[in-house]
N, C-alpha and C. Protein backbone atom coordinates (compact mmCIF):
# COMPACT_ATOMS: atom_id res chain seq x y z
N MET A 1 -19.67 -54.46 16.59
CA MET A 1 -20.76 -54.00 15.74
C MET A 1 -20.36 -54.21 14.29
N PRO A 2 -20.97 -55.13 13.59
CA PRO A 2 -20.68 -55.30 12.17
C PRO A 2 -20.97 -54.03 11.39
N PRO A 3 -20.19 -53.74 10.34
CA PRO A 3 -20.28 -52.45 9.68
C PRO A 3 -21.61 -52.13 9.02
N ASP A 4 -22.33 -53.11 8.50
CA ASP A 4 -23.49 -52.75 7.70
C ASP A 4 -24.83 -53.24 8.20
N ASN A 5 -24.85 -54.13 9.19
CA ASN A 5 -26.13 -54.72 9.52
C ASN A 5 -26.58 -54.51 10.95
N ARG A 6 -25.93 -53.62 11.69
CA ARG A 6 -26.37 -53.38 13.05
C ARG A 6 -26.19 -51.92 13.38
N SER A 7 -27.21 -51.35 14.01
CA SER A 7 -27.08 -49.98 14.44
C SER A 7 -27.65 -49.85 15.84
N LEU A 8 -27.25 -48.80 16.50
CA LEU A 8 -27.79 -48.45 17.81
C LEU A 8 -28.98 -47.55 17.56
N THR A 9 -30.08 -47.80 18.22
CA THR A 9 -31.27 -46.97 18.04
C THR A 9 -31.76 -46.49 19.39
N GLY A 10 -32.06 -45.20 19.46
CA GLY A 10 -32.56 -44.66 20.72
C GLY A 10 -33.01 -43.22 20.59
N LYS A 11 -33.60 -42.75 21.66
CA LYS A 11 -34.08 -41.37 21.74
C LYS A 11 -32.92 -40.45 22.09
N ALA A 12 -32.89 -39.29 21.45
CA ALA A 12 -31.82 -38.32 21.67
C ALA A 12 -32.11 -37.43 22.89
N TRP A 13 -31.09 -37.30 23.72
CA TRP A 13 -31.06 -36.34 24.82
C TRP A 13 -29.99 -35.32 24.45
N VAL A 14 -30.37 -34.10 24.18
CA VAL A 14 -29.46 -33.13 23.58
C VAL A 14 -28.97 -32.13 24.63
N PHE A 15 -27.66 -31.94 24.64
CA PHE A 15 -27.00 -30.99 25.53
C PHE A 15 -26.09 -30.10 24.70
N GLY A 16 -25.56 -29.07 25.29
CA GLY A 16 -24.74 -28.11 24.56
C GLY A 16 -23.26 -28.43 24.57
N ASP A 17 -22.47 -27.37 24.50
CA ASP A 17 -21.02 -27.48 24.49
C ASP A 17 -20.47 -27.59 25.91
N GLU A 18 -19.25 -28.08 26.01
CA GLU A 18 -18.48 -28.10 27.25
C GLU A 18 -19.18 -28.82 28.41
N VAL A 19 -19.90 -29.89 28.12
CA VAL A 19 -20.49 -30.70 29.19
C VAL A 19 -19.32 -31.43 29.85
N ASN A 20 -19.04 -31.07 31.09
CA ASN A 20 -17.83 -31.61 31.72
C ASN A 20 -18.12 -32.79 32.64
N THR A 21 -17.05 -33.44 33.03
CA THR A 21 -17.19 -34.65 33.85
C THR A 21 -17.78 -34.34 35.22
N ASP A 22 -17.66 -33.11 35.69
CA ASP A 22 -18.23 -32.74 36.99
C ASP A 22 -19.76 -32.71 36.95
N VAL A 23 -20.36 -32.43 35.82
CA VAL A 23 -21.83 -32.49 35.75
C VAL A 23 -22.31 -33.90 35.42
N LEU A 24 -21.44 -34.70 34.80
CA LEU A 24 -21.80 -36.10 34.55
C LEU A 24 -21.72 -36.91 35.84
N ALA A 25 -20.69 -36.69 36.62
CA ALA A 25 -20.47 -37.41 37.88
C ALA A 25 -20.10 -36.38 38.95
N PRO A 26 -21.12 -35.73 39.55
CA PRO A 26 -20.86 -34.65 40.51
C PRO A 26 -20.02 -35.10 41.70
N GLY A 27 -19.00 -34.30 41.99
CA GLY A 27 -18.03 -34.63 43.03
C GLY A 27 -18.62 -34.92 44.39
N GLN A 28 -19.69 -34.23 44.77
CA GLN A 28 -20.25 -34.42 46.11
C GLN A 28 -20.87 -35.80 46.30
N TYR A 29 -21.08 -36.54 45.21
CA TYR A 29 -21.66 -37.89 45.30
C TYR A 29 -20.66 -38.99 44.97
N MET A 30 -19.40 -38.63 44.77
CA MET A 30 -18.40 -39.60 44.31
C MET A 30 -18.09 -40.68 45.34
N SER A 31 -18.34 -40.45 46.61
CA SER A 31 -18.00 -41.46 47.61
C SER A 31 -19.01 -42.60 47.67
N GLY A 32 -20.14 -42.43 47.01
CA GLY A 32 -21.17 -43.47 47.00
C GLY A 32 -20.98 -44.45 45.85
N SER A 33 -21.96 -45.29 45.66
CA SER A 33 -21.93 -46.30 44.61
C SER A 33 -22.21 -45.66 43.24
N ILE A 34 -21.87 -46.39 42.19
CA ILE A 34 -22.18 -45.91 40.83
C ILE A 34 -23.69 -45.74 40.64
N PRO A 35 -24.53 -46.68 41.08
CA PRO A 35 -25.98 -46.45 40.92
C PRO A 35 -26.46 -45.18 41.62
N ASN A 36 -25.91 -44.88 42.79
CA ASN A 36 -26.30 -43.64 43.47
C ASN A 36 -25.77 -42.42 42.72
N LEU A 37 -24.53 -42.48 42.28
CA LEU A 37 -23.95 -41.38 41.52
C LEU A 37 -24.74 -41.14 40.23
N ALA A 38 -25.18 -42.21 39.59
CA ALA A 38 -25.94 -42.10 38.34
C ALA A 38 -27.23 -41.32 38.53
N LYS A 39 -27.83 -41.38 39.70
CA LYS A 39 -29.06 -40.63 39.97
C LYS A 39 -28.85 -39.12 39.86
N HIS A 40 -27.59 -38.69 39.92
CA HIS A 40 -27.27 -37.26 39.88
C HIS A 40 -26.60 -36.84 38.57
N CYS A 41 -26.50 -37.76 37.64
CA CYS A 41 -25.87 -37.48 36.35
C CYS A 41 -26.61 -36.35 35.63
N LEU A 42 -25.90 -35.32 35.28
CA LEU A 42 -26.39 -34.17 34.51
C LEU A 42 -27.49 -33.38 35.24
N GLU A 43 -27.67 -33.58 36.54
CA GLU A 43 -28.77 -32.91 37.24
C GLU A 43 -28.65 -31.39 37.23
N SER A 44 -27.44 -30.85 37.15
CA SER A 44 -27.32 -29.39 37.12
C SER A 44 -27.67 -28.81 35.76
N VAL A 45 -27.72 -29.65 34.74
CA VAL A 45 -28.08 -29.23 33.38
C VAL A 45 -29.53 -29.59 33.05
N ASP A 46 -29.93 -30.80 33.43
CA ASP A 46 -31.29 -31.29 33.21
C ASP A 46 -31.68 -32.14 34.41
N PRO A 47 -32.38 -31.56 35.39
CA PRO A 47 -32.72 -32.30 36.61
C PRO A 47 -33.53 -33.57 36.38
N ASP A 48 -34.18 -33.71 35.23
CA ASP A 48 -35.01 -34.87 34.96
C ASP A 48 -34.29 -35.97 34.17
N PHE A 49 -33.08 -35.72 33.74
CA PHE A 49 -32.38 -36.67 32.88
C PHE A 49 -32.27 -38.06 33.50
N ALA A 50 -31.65 -38.16 34.65
CA ALA A 50 -31.36 -39.48 35.23
C ALA A 50 -32.64 -40.28 35.49
N ALA A 51 -33.70 -39.63 35.86
CA ALA A 51 -34.95 -40.34 36.16
C ALA A 51 -35.69 -40.77 34.90
N ASN A 52 -35.42 -40.11 33.78
CA ASN A 52 -36.22 -40.35 32.57
C ASN A 52 -35.47 -41.00 31.40
N VAL A 53 -34.15 -41.01 31.44
CA VAL A 53 -33.40 -41.66 30.36
C VAL A 53 -33.70 -43.16 30.41
N ARG A 54 -33.75 -43.78 29.25
CA ARG A 54 -34.08 -45.20 29.15
C ARG A 54 -32.95 -45.97 28.47
N THR A 55 -32.91 -47.25 28.72
CA THR A 55 -31.90 -48.11 28.11
C THR A 55 -31.94 -47.95 26.59
N GLY A 56 -30.77 -47.71 26.02
CA GLY A 56 -30.65 -47.53 24.57
C GLY A 56 -30.67 -46.09 24.12
N ASP A 57 -31.07 -45.17 25.00
CA ASP A 57 -31.09 -43.76 24.62
C ASP A 57 -29.68 -43.27 24.31
N ILE A 58 -29.61 -42.16 23.59
CA ILE A 58 -28.35 -41.63 23.09
C ILE A 58 -28.20 -40.18 23.53
N VAL A 59 -27.07 -39.87 24.14
CA VAL A 59 -26.76 -38.50 24.54
C VAL A 59 -26.10 -37.81 23.35
N VAL A 60 -26.55 -36.60 23.07
CA VAL A 60 -26.02 -35.81 21.95
C VAL A 60 -25.54 -34.48 22.51
N ALA A 61 -24.38 -34.02 22.04
CA ALA A 61 -23.84 -32.77 22.57
C ALA A 61 -23.03 -32.05 21.49
N GLY A 62 -22.57 -30.87 21.86
CA GLY A 62 -21.79 -30.05 20.96
C GLY A 62 -20.30 -30.32 21.10
N GLU A 63 -19.57 -29.25 21.30
CA GLU A 63 -18.11 -29.31 21.39
C GLU A 63 -17.64 -29.77 22.77
N ASN A 64 -16.58 -30.55 22.77
CA ASN A 64 -15.81 -30.86 23.97
C ASN A 64 -16.59 -31.62 25.04
N PHE A 65 -17.40 -32.58 24.64
CA PHE A 65 -18.15 -33.37 25.62
C PHE A 65 -17.18 -34.16 26.49
N GLY A 66 -17.39 -34.12 27.80
CA GLY A 66 -16.56 -34.89 28.72
C GLY A 66 -15.25 -34.23 29.08
N VAL A 67 -15.14 -32.94 28.81
CA VAL A 67 -13.94 -32.20 29.19
C VAL A 67 -13.86 -32.17 30.72
N GLY A 68 -12.68 -32.03 31.24
CA GLY A 68 -12.52 -31.92 32.69
C GLY A 68 -11.64 -33.01 33.24
N SER A 69 -11.96 -33.44 34.44
CA SER A 69 -11.12 -34.42 35.11
C SER A 69 -11.18 -35.77 34.41
N SER A 70 -10.29 -36.64 34.78
CA SER A 70 -10.19 -37.93 34.10
C SER A 70 -11.07 -39.00 34.74
N ARG A 71 -12.04 -38.60 35.53
CA ARG A 71 -12.84 -39.60 36.26
C ARG A 71 -13.60 -40.54 35.34
N GLU A 72 -13.31 -41.82 35.51
CA GLU A 72 -14.00 -42.85 34.74
C GLU A 72 -15.48 -42.92 35.09
N GLN A 73 -15.82 -42.45 36.28
CA GLN A 73 -17.22 -42.50 36.71
C GLN A 73 -18.14 -41.73 35.79
N ALA A 74 -17.61 -40.76 35.05
CA ALA A 74 -18.43 -40.00 34.11
C ALA A 74 -18.98 -40.91 33.01
N VAL A 75 -18.22 -41.89 32.63
CA VAL A 75 -18.69 -42.89 31.66
C VAL A 75 -19.52 -43.95 32.37
N GLU A 76 -19.06 -44.39 33.52
CA GLU A 76 -19.77 -45.45 34.25
C GLU A 76 -21.22 -45.09 34.55
N VAL A 77 -21.48 -43.82 34.89
CA VAL A 77 -22.87 -43.45 35.21
C VAL A 77 -23.74 -43.46 33.96
N LEU A 78 -23.19 -43.06 32.83
CA LEU A 78 -23.96 -43.13 31.59
C LEU A 78 -24.30 -44.58 31.26
N ARG A 79 -23.34 -45.46 31.42
CA ARG A 79 -23.59 -46.89 31.18
C ARG A 79 -24.61 -47.43 32.18
N ALA A 80 -24.49 -47.04 33.44
CA ALA A 80 -25.42 -47.51 34.47
C ALA A 80 -26.86 -47.07 34.16
N LEU A 81 -26.99 -45.92 33.53
CA LEU A 81 -28.32 -45.41 33.17
C LEU A 81 -28.84 -46.04 31.87
N GLY A 82 -28.01 -46.81 31.19
CA GLY A 82 -28.45 -47.48 29.97
C GLY A 82 -28.16 -46.74 28.68
N VAL A 83 -27.45 -45.62 28.77
CA VAL A 83 -27.10 -44.86 27.56
C VAL A 83 -26.24 -45.76 26.66
N SER A 84 -26.61 -45.86 25.38
CA SER A 84 -25.88 -46.74 24.48
C SER A 84 -24.74 -46.04 23.75
N ALA A 85 -24.85 -44.71 23.60
CA ALA A 85 -23.82 -43.98 22.87
C ALA A 85 -23.89 -42.50 23.23
N VAL A 86 -22.77 -41.83 23.01
CA VAL A 86 -22.73 -40.38 23.06
C VAL A 86 -22.29 -39.91 21.68
N VAL A 87 -23.05 -39.00 21.12
CA VAL A 87 -22.74 -38.39 19.83
C VAL A 87 -22.42 -36.93 20.12
N ALA A 88 -21.25 -36.47 19.69
CA ALA A 88 -20.86 -35.08 19.95
C ALA A 88 -20.00 -34.57 18.81
N LYS A 89 -19.96 -33.23 18.69
CA LYS A 89 -19.09 -32.63 17.68
C LYS A 89 -17.63 -32.96 17.97
N THR A 90 -17.24 -32.83 19.24
CA THR A 90 -15.90 -33.22 19.69
C THR A 90 -16.00 -33.71 21.12
N PHE A 91 -14.97 -34.43 21.55
CA PHE A 91 -14.90 -34.98 22.90
C PHE A 91 -13.63 -34.53 23.60
N GLY A 92 -13.70 -34.44 24.93
CA GLY A 92 -12.49 -34.36 25.71
C GLY A 92 -11.73 -35.66 25.49
N GLY A 93 -10.43 -35.59 25.28
CA GLY A 93 -9.65 -36.78 24.91
C GLY A 93 -9.73 -37.90 25.93
N ILE A 94 -9.63 -37.59 27.20
CA ILE A 94 -9.66 -38.64 28.22
C ILE A 94 -11.04 -39.28 28.28
N PHE A 95 -12.10 -38.48 28.16
CA PHE A 95 -13.46 -39.05 28.16
C PHE A 95 -13.62 -40.01 26.99
N PHE A 96 -13.18 -39.59 25.82
CA PHE A 96 -13.32 -40.44 24.62
C PHE A 96 -12.67 -41.80 24.85
N ARG A 97 -11.45 -41.79 25.36
CA ARG A 97 -10.75 -43.06 25.59
C ARG A 97 -11.43 -43.87 26.69
N ASN A 98 -11.84 -43.20 27.77
CA ASN A 98 -12.55 -43.90 28.84
C ASN A 98 -13.85 -44.53 28.32
N ALA A 99 -14.52 -43.84 27.40
CA ALA A 99 -15.78 -44.37 26.87
C ALA A 99 -15.55 -45.75 26.25
N TYR A 100 -14.60 -45.86 25.35
CA TYR A 100 -14.34 -47.15 24.72
C TYR A 100 -13.75 -48.16 25.70
N ASN A 101 -12.89 -47.70 26.59
CA ASN A 101 -12.33 -48.60 27.60
C ASN A 101 -13.41 -49.24 28.46
N LEU A 102 -14.54 -48.53 28.63
CA LEU A 102 -15.62 -49.03 29.47
C LEU A 102 -16.84 -49.48 28.67
N GLY A 103 -16.72 -49.54 27.34
CA GLY A 103 -17.77 -50.12 26.51
C GLY A 103 -18.89 -49.18 26.10
N LEU A 104 -18.61 -47.89 26.03
CA LEU A 104 -19.61 -46.91 25.60
C LEU A 104 -19.18 -46.34 24.25
N TYR A 105 -20.07 -46.37 23.27
CA TYR A 105 -19.78 -45.79 21.96
C TYR A 105 -19.70 -44.27 22.06
N ALA A 106 -18.64 -43.69 21.52
CA ALA A 106 -18.47 -42.24 21.45
C ALA A 106 -18.30 -41.91 19.97
N ILE A 107 -19.27 -41.21 19.41
CA ILE A 107 -19.33 -40.96 17.97
C ILE A 107 -19.07 -39.48 17.70
N VAL A 108 -18.04 -39.18 16.94
CA VAL A 108 -17.73 -37.80 16.57
C VAL A 108 -18.58 -37.46 15.35
N CYS A 109 -19.42 -36.43 15.51
CA CYS A 109 -20.33 -36.04 14.44
C CYS A 109 -20.38 -34.51 14.35
N GLY A 110 -19.76 -33.97 13.34
CA GLY A 110 -19.75 -32.52 13.13
C GLY A 110 -21.13 -31.95 12.88
N GLU A 111 -22.10 -32.81 12.56
CA GLU A 111 -23.47 -32.36 12.28
C GLU A 111 -24.41 -32.61 13.46
N ALA A 112 -23.85 -32.88 14.63
CA ALA A 112 -24.66 -33.21 15.81
C ALA A 112 -25.65 -32.10 16.18
N ASP A 113 -25.34 -30.87 15.82
CA ASP A 113 -26.24 -29.76 16.17
C ASP A 113 -27.56 -29.80 15.38
N GLN A 114 -27.68 -30.69 14.42
CA GLN A 114 -28.94 -30.84 13.69
C GLN A 114 -29.92 -31.77 14.41
N ILE A 115 -29.44 -32.45 15.44
CA ILE A 115 -30.28 -33.38 16.19
C ILE A 115 -31.04 -32.61 17.26
N GLN A 116 -32.31 -32.90 17.38
CA GLN A 116 -33.17 -32.20 18.35
C GLN A 116 -33.57 -33.15 19.48
N PRO A 117 -33.87 -32.59 20.66
CA PRO A 117 -34.30 -33.43 21.78
C PRO A 117 -35.49 -34.30 21.38
N GLY A 118 -35.42 -35.57 21.74
CA GLY A 118 -36.51 -36.49 21.44
C GLY A 118 -36.45 -37.15 20.08
N ASP A 119 -35.56 -36.69 19.19
CA ASP A 119 -35.40 -37.35 17.89
C ASP A 119 -35.07 -38.82 18.12
N ILE A 120 -35.54 -39.67 17.24
CA ILE A 120 -35.19 -41.09 17.27
C ILE A 120 -34.04 -41.30 16.30
N LEU A 121 -32.92 -41.77 16.84
CA LEU A 121 -31.70 -41.92 16.06
C LEU A 121 -31.38 -43.38 15.83
N SER A 122 -30.84 -43.67 14.64
CA SER A 122 -30.21 -44.96 14.35
C SER A 122 -28.77 -44.63 13.99
N VAL A 123 -27.84 -45.16 14.76
CA VAL A 123 -26.43 -44.84 14.59
C VAL A 123 -25.69 -46.07 14.08
N ASN A 124 -25.06 -45.94 12.93
CA ASN A 124 -24.17 -46.98 12.44
C ASN A 124 -22.75 -46.43 12.60
N ALA A 125 -22.11 -46.81 13.70
CA ALA A 125 -20.80 -46.26 14.05
C ALA A 125 -19.73 -46.66 13.04
N ALA A 126 -19.80 -47.87 12.52
CA ALA A 126 -18.80 -48.34 11.56
C ALA A 126 -18.84 -47.55 10.27
N ALA A 127 -20.04 -47.25 9.81
CA ALA A 127 -20.20 -46.51 8.55
C ALA A 127 -20.13 -44.99 8.74
N GLY A 128 -20.24 -44.53 9.99
CA GLY A 128 -20.25 -43.09 10.23
C GLY A 128 -21.54 -42.44 9.76
N LYS A 129 -22.65 -43.09 10.03
CA LYS A 129 -23.96 -42.59 9.58
C LYS A 129 -24.94 -42.55 10.75
N ILE A 130 -25.69 -41.49 10.80
CA ILE A 130 -26.80 -41.38 11.75
C ILE A 130 -28.04 -41.04 10.95
N THR A 131 -29.08 -41.81 11.18
CA THR A 131 -30.38 -41.52 10.57
C THR A 131 -31.30 -41.01 11.66
N VAL A 132 -31.87 -39.85 11.42
CA VAL A 132 -32.86 -39.28 12.34
C VAL A 132 -34.21 -39.67 11.76
N SER A 133 -34.70 -40.84 12.20
CA SER A 133 -35.91 -41.40 11.58
C SER A 133 -37.14 -40.55 11.82
N SER A 134 -37.17 -39.84 12.94
CA SER A 134 -38.33 -39.01 13.24
C SER A 134 -38.46 -37.81 12.30
N ARG A 135 -37.36 -37.47 11.59
CA ARG A 135 -37.40 -36.34 10.66
C ARG A 135 -36.82 -36.69 9.29
N LYS A 136 -36.56 -37.97 9.04
CA LYS A 136 -36.01 -38.42 7.76
C LYS A 136 -34.77 -37.62 7.35
N LEU A 137 -33.83 -37.55 8.29
CA LEU A 137 -32.60 -36.80 8.11
C LEU A 137 -31.42 -37.76 8.21
N ALA A 138 -30.45 -37.63 7.31
CA ALA A 138 -29.25 -38.46 7.35
C ALA A 138 -28.04 -37.57 7.63
N LEU A 139 -27.25 -37.98 8.61
CA LEU A 139 -26.06 -37.22 9.00
C LEU A 139 -24.82 -38.07 8.79
N THR A 140 -23.72 -37.40 8.47
CA THR A 140 -22.45 -38.07 8.29
C THR A 140 -21.56 -37.78 9.48
N CYS A 141 -20.93 -38.84 9.99
CA CYS A 141 -20.05 -38.74 11.15
C CYS A 141 -18.72 -39.41 10.84
N ASP A 142 -17.79 -39.31 11.77
CA ASP A 142 -16.52 -40.03 11.61
C ASP A 142 -16.78 -41.51 11.85
N PRO A 143 -16.42 -42.38 10.90
CA PRO A 143 -16.55 -43.82 11.16
C PRO A 143 -15.65 -44.22 12.34
N VAL A 144 -16.13 -45.14 13.14
CA VAL A 144 -15.35 -45.61 14.28
C VAL A 144 -14.48 -46.78 13.81
N PRO A 145 -13.18 -46.73 14.11
CA PRO A 145 -12.28 -47.81 13.70
C PRO A 145 -12.72 -49.17 14.27
N ALA A 146 -12.43 -50.21 13.53
CA ALA A 146 -12.86 -51.57 13.88
C ALA A 146 -12.41 -51.99 15.28
N PHE A 147 -11.18 -51.63 15.68
CA PHE A 147 -10.71 -52.06 17.00
C PHE A 147 -11.49 -51.41 18.12
N LEU A 148 -11.96 -50.16 17.93
CA LEU A 148 -12.78 -49.51 18.95
C LEU A 148 -14.20 -50.07 18.96
N LEU A 149 -14.72 -50.39 17.78
CA LEU A 149 -16.04 -51.03 17.70
C LEU A 149 -16.02 -52.36 18.44
N GLU A 150 -14.97 -53.13 18.22
CA GLU A 150 -14.85 -54.42 18.89
C GLU A 150 -14.76 -54.24 20.40
N MET A 151 -14.00 -53.24 20.83
CA MET A 151 -13.84 -52.98 22.25
C MET A 151 -15.19 -52.63 22.89
N ALA A 152 -15.94 -51.76 22.24
CA ALA A 152 -17.25 -51.37 22.78
C ALA A 152 -18.22 -52.54 22.77
N GLU A 153 -18.20 -53.31 21.69
CA GLU A 153 -19.10 -54.46 21.58
C GLU A 153 -18.84 -55.48 22.68
N GLN A 154 -17.59 -55.62 23.07
CA GLN A 154 -17.21 -56.59 24.11
C GLN A 154 -17.45 -56.06 25.52
N GLY A 155 -17.88 -54.81 25.63
CA GLY A 155 -18.13 -54.24 26.95
C GLY A 155 -16.96 -53.48 27.53
N GLY A 156 -15.94 -53.24 26.72
CA GLY A 156 -14.79 -52.46 27.17
C GLY A 156 -13.50 -53.24 27.09
N LEU A 157 -12.42 -52.58 27.43
CA LEU A 157 -11.09 -53.14 27.32
C LEU A 157 -10.90 -54.38 28.21
N ILE A 158 -11.22 -54.27 29.48
CA ILE A 158 -11.02 -55.39 30.40
C ILE A 158 -11.90 -56.57 30.03
N ALA A 159 -13.16 -56.31 29.73
CA ALA A 159 -14.06 -57.40 29.33
C ALA A 159 -13.55 -58.11 28.08
N GLY A 160 -13.02 -57.35 27.14
CA GLY A 160 -12.47 -57.94 25.92
C GLY A 160 -11.24 -58.80 26.20
N LEU A 161 -10.37 -58.31 27.07
CA LEU A 161 -9.18 -59.08 27.44
C LEU A 161 -9.57 -60.36 28.17
N GLU A 162 -10.54 -60.25 29.08
CA GLU A 162 -11.01 -61.43 29.80
C GLU A 162 -11.61 -62.46 28.85
N ALA A 163 -12.36 -62.00 27.86
CA ALA A 163 -12.95 -62.92 26.87
C ALA A 163 -11.86 -63.63 26.08
N ARG A 164 -10.82 -62.91 25.67
CA ARG A 164 -9.72 -63.52 24.93
C ARG A 164 -8.98 -64.55 25.77
N LEU A 165 -8.73 -64.20 27.03
CA LEU A 165 -8.05 -65.15 27.91
C LEU A 165 -8.91 -66.39 28.15
N SER A 166 -10.20 -66.19 28.32
CA SER A 166 -11.11 -67.31 28.53
C SER A 166 -11.13 -68.22 27.30
N ALA A 167 -11.11 -67.62 26.13
CA ALA A 167 -11.11 -68.40 24.89
C ALA A 167 -9.84 -69.23 24.74
N ARG A 168 -8.78 -68.77 25.36
CA ARG A 168 -7.50 -69.51 25.33
C ARG A 168 -7.42 -70.51 26.48
N GLY A 169 -8.49 -70.68 27.19
CA GLY A 169 -8.49 -71.61 28.31
C GLY A 169 -7.91 -71.00 29.57
N GLY A 170 -7.95 -69.67 29.64
CA GLY A 170 -7.47 -68.99 30.83
C GLY A 170 -5.97 -68.83 30.88
N LYS A 171 -5.27 -69.27 29.83
CA LYS A 171 -3.81 -69.20 29.83
C LYS A 171 -3.35 -67.95 29.09
N ASN A 172 -2.33 -67.35 29.61
CA ASN A 172 -1.72 -66.21 28.96
C ASN A 172 -0.64 -66.75 28.03
N SER A 173 -0.87 -66.58 26.73
CA SER A 173 0.10 -67.09 25.76
C SER A 173 1.09 -66.00 25.41
N THR A 174 2.26 -66.10 25.98
CA THR A 174 3.32 -65.13 25.70
C THR A 174 4.48 -65.77 25.01
């Protein structure tokens, strides 16, 4: 994501504090496929979320989003549902790293509690800015470092490594 000329835009889905990986990827559905697991994402908090979230929408939360187990499926289901980013006051550390490893933007924003359900957001992760166009509100967030932006833009860590290897003709240059 170039720093000044591209932003993520989507409708806000707002949740509270301590949204854990067990509500993102409920354990009783873990043995199935990611698309099936995604149908149950956040159902204990908002039963309509998975059926109504649209590609490009943005999840917004309070403190400690993604706390809990280290399951990567918590990120995978958000990606499968088309969520482009998660904006939260703070993140569980493993979720934050999994998000970028799997190509999902995770934006730390101390002002996330000013965002309301249904707000239309434009997020410039590089600049650390969120514009709430539906209410003409500008929020300041932590800018995302360039290496994480690149990782997310490439679809995650593995996709980025595969692209680099492919660009080298498939050879590992050591």
